[in-house]
Protein backbone atom coordinates (compact mmCIF):
# COMPACT_ATOMS: atom_id res chain seq x y z
CA UNK A 1 -92.52 -83.40 2.14
CA UNK A 2 -91.43 -85.48 -0.44
CA UNK A 3 -90.62 -83.35 -4.21
CA UNK A 4 -92.73 -85.81 -6.33
CA UNK A 5 -95.66 -86.55 -3.87
CA UNK A 6 -95.67 -82.75 -2.78
CA UNK A 7 -96.35 -82.35 -6.74
CA UNK A 8 -98.76 -85.04 -7.76
CA UNK A 9 -100.90 -83.61 -4.64
CA UNK A 10 -101.07 -80.18 -6.44
CA UNK A 11 -102.30 -81.51 -9.83
CA UNK A 12 -104.92 -83.69 -7.69
CA UNK A 13 -106.45 -79.91 -7.26
CA UNK A 14 -108.91 -79.51 -4.27
CA UNK A 15 -112.39 -80.73 -5.33
CA UNK A 16 -113.09 -83.72 -3.22
CA UNK A 17 -113.87 -86.98 -5.49
CA UNK A 18 -112.83 -90.17 -4.89
CA UNK A 19 -109.83 -90.39 -7.29
CA UNK A 20 -108.87 -87.22 -5.23
CA UNK A 21 -108.87 -89.34 -1.69
CA UNK A 22 -107.93 -92.99 -3.59
CA UNK A 23 -104.79 -91.28 -5.14
CA UNK A 24 -103.83 -89.71 -1.49
CA UNK A 25 -103.73 -92.87 0.07
CA UNK A 26 -101.76 -94.39 -2.00
CA UNK A 27 -98.94 -92.00 -2.08
CA UNK A 28 -98.65 -91.92 1.45
CA UNK A 29 -99.71 -95.75 2.52
CA UNK A 30 -95.93 -97.62 1.30
CA UNK A 31 -94.30 -95.41 3.38
CA UNK A 32 -96.19 -95.40 6.73
CA UNK A 33 -94.07 -97.86 8.94
CA UNK A 34 -96.25 -101.56 9.41
CA UNK A 35 -96.93 -103.63 10.83
CA UNK A 36 -98.24 -101.26 13.97
CA UNK A 37 -98.00 -104.37 16.01
CA UNK A 38 -94.10 -104.26 16.11
CA UNK A 39 -94.29 -100.65 17.03
CA UNK A 40 -96.69 -100.63 19.88
CA UNK A 41 -99.09 -102.81 22.02
CA UNK A 42 -102.90 -102.59 20.75
CA UNK A 43 -106.13 -103.49 22.43
CA UNK A 44 -108.37 -103.39 19.68
CA UNK A 45 -112.39 -102.80 19.12
CA UNK A 46 -112.73 -102.13 22.91
CA UNK A 47 -116.74 -101.22 23.21
CA UNK A 48 -117.36 -97.99 24.81
CA UNK A 49 -121.45 -98.02 24.23
CA UNK A 50 -123.97 -100.13 23.66
CA UNK A 51 -124.02 -99.25 19.02
CA UNK A 52 -121.82 -101.56 17.09
CA UNK A 53 -119.90 -98.49 15.67
CA UNK A 54 -119.09 -97.68 19.63
CA UNK A 55 -115.44 -99.70 19.46
CA UNK A 56 -112.12 -97.60 20.03
CA UNK A 57 -108.30 -98.91 19.53
CA UNK A 58 -106.10 -98.33 22.01
CA UNK A 59 -102.06 -97.65 21.46
CA UNK A 60 -99.84 -98.02 24.21
CA UNK A 61 -95.99 -97.78 25.04
CA UNK A 62 -94.57 -101.55 25.93
CA UNK A 63 -92.35 -100.31 28.46
CA UNK A 64 -94.25 -99.36 31.97
CA UNK A 65 -94.89 -95.54 31.99
CA UNK A 66 -97.75 -93.48 33.42
CA UNK A 67 -99.59 -90.59 33.23
CA UNK A 68 -99.09 -90.04 29.76
CA UNK A 69 -101.02 -87.79 27.52
CA UNK A 70 -103.93 -89.11 25.56
CA UNK A 71 -104.38 -88.53 22.05
CA UNK A 72 -108.25 -89.73 20.95
CA UNK A 73 -108.29 -89.05 16.94
CA UNK A 74 -112.15 -89.28 15.35
CA UNK A 75 -111.69 -89.95 11.43
CA UNK A 76 -114.03 -88.02 9.25
CA UNK A 77 -116.08 -89.57 5.89
CA UNK A 78 -118.14 -86.85 5.22
CA UNK A 79 -120.63 -88.18 8.50
CA UNK A 80 -122.09 -91.20 6.18
CA UNK A 81 -118.20 -93.33 6.05
CA UNK A 82 -115.10 -94.08 7.52
CA UNK A 83 -113.51 -96.27 9.57
CA UNK A 84 -110.69 -96.28 12.61
CA UNK A 85 -108.88 -99.02 10.22
CA UNK A 86 -108.57 -102.60 10.78
CA UNK A 87 -105.55 -104.61 11.97
CA UNK A 88 -103.64 -104.58 8.76
CA UNK A 89 -104.67 -101.17 7.50
CA UNK A 90 -101.99 -97.88 7.18
CA UNK A 91 -104.59 -95.64 8.14
CA UNK A 92 -105.65 -94.74 10.80
CA UNK A 93 -102.91 -96.87 12.75
CA UNK A 94 -100.51 -94.69 11.53
CA UNK A 95 -102.01 -91.91 13.83
CA UNK A 96 -102.12 -94.52 17.21
CA UNK A 97 -98.13 -95.11 16.13
CA UNK A 98 -97.71 -91.80 16.21
CA UNK A 99 -99.08 -90.93 19.13
CA UNK A 100 -97.16 -93.59 21.06
CA UNK A 101 -93.78 -92.42 19.33
CA UNK A 102 -94.53 -89.12 20.63
CA UNK A 103 -94.97 -90.02 24.17
CA UNK A 104 -98.76 -90.55 24.42
CA UNK A 105 -101.26 -92.78 24.53
CA UNK A 106 -103.36 -93.23 21.65
CA UNK A 107 -107.07 -93.92 20.60
CA UNK A 108 -108.86 -94.38 17.39
CA UNK A 109 -112.17 -94.85 17.39
CA UNK A 110 -115.65 -95.48 15.12
CA UNK A 111 -118.92 -93.35 16.17
CA UNK A 112 -122.42 -94.18 14.44
CA UNK A 113 -122.90 -92.83 10.91
CA UNK A 114 -125.68 -90.72 9.06
CA UNK A 115 -128.60 -90.62 7.76
CA UNK A 116 -129.01 -93.56 11.34
CA UNK A 117 -127.68 -91.22 13.53
CA UNK A 118 -128.20 -87.25 13.13
CA UNK A 119 -126.82 -84.65 14.39
CA UNK A 120 -125.72 -83.95 17.38
CA UNK A 121 -124.59 -88.19 17.45
CA UNK A 122 -121.18 -87.34 17.14
CA UNK A 123 -120.61 -85.43 19.82
CA UNK A 124 -122.46 -87.64 22.19
CA UNK A 125 -120.78 -91.15 21.12
CA UNK A 126 -116.84 -88.73 21.29
CA UNK A 127 -118.39 -87.76 25.12
CA UNK A 128 -118.97 -91.28 25.69
CA UNK A 129 -115.74 -92.35 24.42
CA UNK A 130 -113.58 -89.60 26.73
CA UNK A 131 -116.15 -90.53 29.25
CA UNK A 132 -115.02 -93.97 28.87
CA UNK A 133 -111.33 -93.16 28.42
CA UNK A 134 -111.53 -90.98 31.89
CA UNK A 135 -112.32 -94.17 33.58
CA UNK A 136 -110.22 -97.08 31.61
CA UNK A 137 -107.19 -95.14 29.98
CA UNK A 138 -105.04 -95.49 33.32
CA UNK A 139 -104.76 -98.85 32.70
CA UNK A 140 -102.64 -98.21 29.74
CA UNK A 141 -100.39 -95.46 31.22
CA UNK A 142 -103.02 -92.88 30.51
CA UNK A 143 -103.37 -89.67 32.25
CA UNK A 144 -107.11 -89.39 32.49
CA UNK A 145 -106.74 -85.56 32.90
CA UNK A 146 -104.56 -85.27 29.81
CA UNK A 147 -107.23 -86.23 27.12
CA UNK A 148 -107.00 -84.49 24.43
CA UNK A 149 -109.31 -85.01 21.08
CA UNK A 150 -108.17 -84.91 17.61
CA UNK A 151 -110.89 -85.22 14.35
CA UNK A 152 -110.18 -84.38 10.66
CA UNK A 153 -112.93 -83.12 8.49
CA UNK A 154 -116.34 -84.43 9.92
CA UNK A 155 -114.42 -85.68 12.53
CA UNK A 156 -113.50 -82.43 13.09
CA UNK A 157 -116.94 -81.18 13.04
CA UNK A 158 -118.18 -84.05 16.00
CA UNK A 159 -114.88 -82.42 17.89
CA UNK A 160 -116.20 -78.93 17.37
CA UNK A 161 -119.58 -80.20 18.01
CA UNK A 162 -118.08 -81.66 21.60
CA UNK A 163 -116.75 -78.69 22.67
CA UNK A 164 -119.46 -76.47 21.89
CA UNK A 165 -121.43 -78.52 24.24
CA UNK A 166 -124.13 -79.36 21.64
CA UNK A 167 -123.98 -82.97 23.87
CA UNK A 168 -124.19 -81.34 27.33
CA UNK A 169 -122.95 -78.37 28.97
CA UNK A 170 -119.58 -77.27 28.05
CA UNK A 171 -118.52 -77.03 31.29
CA UNK A 172 -118.90 -80.71 31.00
CA UNK A 173 -116.24 -81.75 29.20
CA UNK A 174 -113.47 -84.13 30.03
CA UNK A 175 -110.88 -83.17 27.45
CA UNK A 176 -108.23 -81.16 27.79
CA UNK A 177 -107.83 -80.03 24.60
CA UNK A 178 -109.16 -80.24 21.01
CA UNK A 179 -107.71 -80.05 17.76
CA UNK A 180 -109.73 -79.87 14.48
CA UNK A 181 -108.10 -80.54 11.24
CA UNK A 182 -109.97 -78.65 8.42
CA UNK A 183 -113.37 -78.15 10.13
CA UNK A 184 -116.88 -76.39 9.48
CA UNK A 185 -117.89 -74.30 12.05
CA UNK A 186 -120.73 -72.18 11.07
CA UNK A 187 -123.49 -73.61 8.71
CA UNK A 188 -125.31 -71.05 8.09
CA UNK A 189 -122.76 -69.80 5.86
CA UNK A 190 -122.26 -73.43 4.40
CA UNK A 191 -123.07 -74.33 1.02
CA UNK A 192 -124.73 -78.20 1.97
CA UNK A 193 -123.67 -80.99 0.09
CA UNK A 194 -125.71 -84.20 0.44
CA UNK A 195 -123.32 -85.59 3.19
CA UNK A 196 -123.86 -82.49 5.26
CA UNK A 197 -127.52 -82.85 4.89
CA UNK A 198 -127.63 -86.41 5.73
CA UNK A 199 -126.44 -85.08 9.35
CA UNK A 200 -127.91 -82.23 10.10
CA UNK A 201 -130.66 -82.46 7.57
CA UNK A 202 -132.14 -80.35 5.38
CA UNK A 203 -133.66 -77.04 7.70
CA UNK A 204 -131.87 -74.06 7.52
CA UNK A 205 -134.03 -72.76 10.61
CA UNK A 206 -131.91 -75.37 12.42
CA UNK A 207 -128.35 -74.33 11.13
CA UNK A 208 -127.78 -71.95 13.55
CA UNK A 209 -128.14 -74.06 16.59
CA UNK A 210 -126.47 -76.61 15.05
CA UNK A 211 -123.44 -74.63 14.02
CA UNK A 212 -120.57 -74.84 16.86
CA UNK A 213 -118.86 -71.16 15.96
CA UNK A 214 -120.16 -69.48 18.99
CA UNK A 215 -119.19 -72.17 21.45
CA UNK A 216 -115.97 -72.67 20.26
CA UNK A 217 -114.94 -68.99 20.70
CA UNK A 218 -116.87 -68.98 24.06
CA UNK A 219 -115.04 -72.06 24.93
CA UNK A 220 -112.39 -72.00 27.90
CA UNK A 221 -110.94 -75.22 26.24
CA UNK A 222 -107.85 -74.58 24.47
CA UNK A 223 -108.03 -75.53 20.75
CA UNK A 224 -105.81 -75.97 17.98
CA UNK A 225 -107.37 -75.78 14.18
CA UNK A 226 -105.80 -76.51 11.08
CA UNK A 227 -106.43 -75.48 7.56
CA UNK A 228 -104.51 -77.07 4.58
CA UNK A 229 -103.65 -75.10 1.56
CA UNK A 230 -105.26 -77.37 -1.26
CA UNK A 231 -108.36 -77.90 1.41
CA UNK A 232 -111.25 -77.20 -0.54
CA UNK A 233 -113.09 -73.63 -0.63
CA UNK A 234 -115.55 -74.40 1.46
CA UNK A 235 -113.01 -75.47 4.37
CA UNK A 236 -110.85 -72.10 3.45
CA UNK A 237 -113.95 -69.95 4.04
CA UNK A 238 -114.75 -71.61 7.19
CA UNK A 239 -111.34 -71.27 8.60
CA UNK A 240 -111.87 -67.58 7.66
CA UNK A 241 -115.12 -67.36 9.39
CA UNK A 242 -113.47 -68.84 12.86
CA UNK A 243 -110.46 -66.69 12.65
CA UNK A 244 -112.85 -63.69 12.65
CA UNK A 245 -115.29 -64.68 15.16
CA UNK A 246 -112.43 -64.96 17.69
CA UNK A 247 -110.51 -61.46 16.67
CA UNK A 248 -114.08 -60.23 17.02
CA UNK A 249 -114.95 -61.95 20.33
CA UNK A 250 -112.10 -62.17 21.96
CA UNK A 251 -109.59 -59.66 20.51
CA UNK A 252 -106.34 -62.45 19.48
CA UNK A 253 -106.38 -65.33 16.71
CA UNK A 254 -107.13 -69.05 17.26
CA UNK A 255 -104.23 -71.30 17.29
CA UNK A 256 -104.32 -72.13 13.41
CA UNK A 257 -102.18 -73.77 11.36
CA UNK A 258 -101.78 -73.02 7.76
CA UNK A 259 -100.37 -76.26 6.08
CA UNK A 260 -98.50 -75.45 2.89
CA UNK A 261 -98.35 -78.25 0.34
CA UNK A 262 -100.95 -80.59 2.17
CA UNK A 263 -104.52 -81.58 0.81
CA UNK A 264 -107.68 -82.19 2.56
CA UNK A 265 -106.49 -86.02 3.77
CA UNK A 266 -102.52 -85.69 3.61
CA UNK A 267 -101.92 -84.23 6.89
CA UNK A 268 -103.30 -86.67 8.76
CA UNK A 269 -101.03 -89.78 6.44
CA UNK A 270 -98.05 -87.65 6.58
CA UNK A 271 -97.77 -88.04 10.35
CA UNK A 272 -94.10 -89.28 11.60
CA UNK A 273 -93.12 -88.98 7.77
CA UNK A 274 -90.71 -86.53 6.33
CA UNK A 275 -92.06 -82.94 6.10
CA UNK A 276 -94.66 -83.48 8.64
CA UNK A 277 -95.65 -80.17 10.73
CA UNK A 278 -98.93 -81.47 11.87
CA UNK A 279 -97.42 -83.93 14.31
CA UNK A 280 -94.79 -81.22 15.73
CA UNK A 281 -97.61 -78.75 15.90
CA UNK A 282 -99.92 -81.03 17.83
CA UNK A 283 -96.83 -82.55 19.97
CA UNK A 284 -96.50 -78.28 20.93
CA UNK A 285 -99.98 -78.02 21.72
CA UNK A 286 -100.33 -80.86 24.07
CA UNK A 287 -97.41 -80.13 26.22
CA UNK A 288 -99.14 -76.48 26.30
CA UNK A 289 -102.62 -77.35 26.79
CA UNK A 290 -102.36 -80.83 28.50
CA UNK A 291 -99.53 -80.51 30.83
């Protein structure tokens, strides 16, 4: 990472505030190659379901190539906000451009937001999008048998819930692999903010059933997890719970990538830029999990 950016990320700390989100984006946005349309082909706002938020963008190579892995990115936003990005936005068009540069098909999607759509709406929407891609992605050069879902923060929670089978039996999943960047997995040991309450509701009696931890450690789908050095304490402890549960149940560590010097948002903003460890790890994971 550029030393001046690394120093400022450390100064920003780990408390999730509008100032942290805004300044982190400001640091990386000027470095993101634009316009993305110069780098690859893009089909935008394709409907994968009936809701106005059921829209996705597909990024694919100009040169004909078949059977590429497909990376589906699910944005964060505390369950109540967030967007895949407009054409001129650096984020999350950078994810689609990175996917194509890495030899994949990239997909970014919107999903229904809380409080209008509560648990398990995120997993339901992701499943709907994956089902749509399984039928349609071949026309963009993608392999429907090599779909990998990747979410960040609230998006990681939706991916985890999808893998855990909260929307349908886990064995029916069409994804070949799943990546969770700074996720939450055990709601029973989480201090719930208004954001979690908007999505999961306030009833503690339901938290165990809404947690993805047990489903993740029993899942046969290959998974990659990350936690950042400057993630808030709750995300650090959630990563620790996941590791402990995996070791207790299966006797092995999960694939857990520790991102030194990064904060909650910076790994996904830094894709393709100097010091990008996430993109390298994701590509290695895809080569193994979606071969």
